[in-house]
């Protein structure tokens, strides 16, 4: 048994890993609705949160995002308001 990163959804798991469903996701003021990105999650809300975390947590991000998700290109968009919280991080250094 091996613990590997899935080449489809990116999650880490054992050989028995099953990918969550694929969702199309877009940020309407940033992405094209006709060419959305993909994310993997069990439901629409989780897909919106995962897309926001994957795309807006490693650089300066807005405090609020609107993320749209849908299961297939033929489905209507499900729209979510995402609130982003900054979490302070503290470090200590010894003073001599």
Protein backbone atom coordinates (compact mmCIF):
# COMPACT_ATOMS: atom_id res chain seq x y z
CA UNK A 1 0.00 0.00 0.00
CA UNK A 2 1.38 3.42 -0.88
CA UNK A 3 0.42 6.96 0.13
CA UNK A 4 0.59 9.13 -3.00
CA UNK A 5 -0.74 12.36 -4.46
CA UNK A 6 -3.60 11.77 -6.89
CA UNK A 7 -2.72 12.94 -10.40
CA UNK A 8 -6.37 13.92 -11.02
CA UNK A 9 -7.63 15.77 -7.94
CA UNK A 10 -4.34 16.50 -6.14
CA UNK A 11 -5.38 14.98 -2.81
CA UNK A 12 -3.01 12.73 -0.91
CA UNK A 13 -4.29 9.25 -0.12
CA UNK A 14 -3.73 5.53 -0.01
CA UNK A 15 -4.13 3.22 -2.99
CA UNK A 16 -7.86 3.05 -2.24
CA UNK A 17 -8.36 6.82 -2.77
CA UNK A 18 -11.48 7.81 -4.73
CA UNK A 19 -11.54 11.33 -6.17
CA UNK A 20 -14.40 13.61 -5.12
CA UNK A 21 -16.57 14.87 -7.99
CA UNK A 22 -15.13 17.47 -10.36
CA UNK A 23 -16.67 20.95 -10.38
CA UNK A 24 -16.22 23.91 -12.70
CA UNK A 25 -15.36 27.09 -10.82
CA UNK A 26 -14.93 30.74 -11.72
CA UNK A 27 -14.53 34.11 -10.08
CA UNK A 28 -16.78 36.27 -12.30
CA UNK A 29 -14.73 39.46 -11.92
CA UNK A 30 -11.48 37.57 -12.63
CA UNK A 31 -12.20 34.50 -14.81
CA UNK A 32 -14.18 33.81 -17.96
CA UNK A 33 -17.50 32.04 -17.42
CA UNK A 34 -16.92 30.25 -20.74
CA UNK A 35 -13.53 28.85 -19.70
CA UNK A 36 -13.80 27.97 -15.99
CA UNK A 37 -11.17 26.14 -14.00
CA UNK A 38 -11.80 22.80 -12.30
CA UNK A 39 -11.74 21.78 -8.68
CA UNK A 40 -12.69 18.60 -6.83
CA UNK A 41 -15.11 18.54 -3.90
CA UNK A 42 -18.08 16.65 -2.52
CA UNK A 43 -20.60 19.49 -2.82
CA UNK A 44 -21.03 22.97 -4.29
CA UNK A 45 -20.11 24.92 -1.14
CA UNK A 46 -16.97 22.83 -0.60
CA UNK A 47 -16.04 23.34 -4.26
CA UNK A 48 -16.33 27.13 -3.90
CA UNK A 49 -14.22 27.12 -0.73
CA UNK A 50 -11.58 24.82 -2.22
CA UNK A 51 -11.30 26.96 -5.36
CA UNK A 52 -10.87 30.08 -3.21
CA UNK A 53 -8.27 28.42 -0.96
CA UNK A 54 -6.33 26.97 -3.90
CA UNK A 55 -6.26 30.20 -5.88
CA UNK A 56 -6.26 33.06 -3.39
CA UNK A 57 -4.37 32.00 -0.27
CA UNK A 58 -0.76 32.40 -1.40
CA UNK A 59 -0.81 36.07 -2.37
CA UNK A 60 -2.59 39.24 -1.38
CA UNK A 61 -6.25 38.33 -1.48
CA UNK A 62 -9.39 40.37 -1.18
CA UNK A 63 -11.43 40.15 2.00
CA UNK A 64 -14.51 39.03 0.05
CA UNK A 65 -14.79 36.90 -3.08
CA UNK A 66 -17.67 35.78 -5.23
CA UNK A 67 -17.12 32.27 -6.55
CA UNK A 68 -19.39 30.47 -8.99
CA UNK A 69 -19.43 26.67 -9.31
CA UNK A 70 -21.33 24.07 -11.32
CA UNK A 71 -21.09 20.32 -11.92
CA UNK A 72 -21.32 20.40 -15.72
CA UNK A 73 -21.00 23.09 -18.36
CA UNK A 74 -24.76 22.77 -19.05
CA UNK A 75 -25.76 23.41 -15.42
CA UNK A 76 -26.56 26.88 -14.10
CA UNK A 77 -23.95 28.51 -11.85
CA UNK A 78 -24.33 28.20 -8.09
CA UNK A 79 -23.03 31.44 -6.60
CA UNK A 80 -21.24 31.80 -3.26
CA UNK A 81 -19.95 34.77 -1.28
CA UNK A 82 -16.61 33.82 0.31
CA UNK A 83 -15.27 35.74 3.30
CA UNK A 84 -11.51 35.67 3.76
CA UNK A 85 -10.05 36.08 7.24
CA UNK A 86 -6.45 37.05 7.84
CA UNK A 87 -4.94 34.94 10.58
CA UNK A 88 -2.04 36.57 12.41
CA UNK A 89 1.09 34.52 12.87
CA UNK A 90 3.60 35.26 15.61
CA UNK A 91 7.29 34.37 15.79
CA UNK A 92 9.74 34.81 18.64
CA UNK A 93 13.46 35.44 18.47
CA UNK A 94 15.75 35.32 21.43
CA UNK A 95 17.22 38.70 22.43
CA UNK A 96 20.83 38.64 23.59
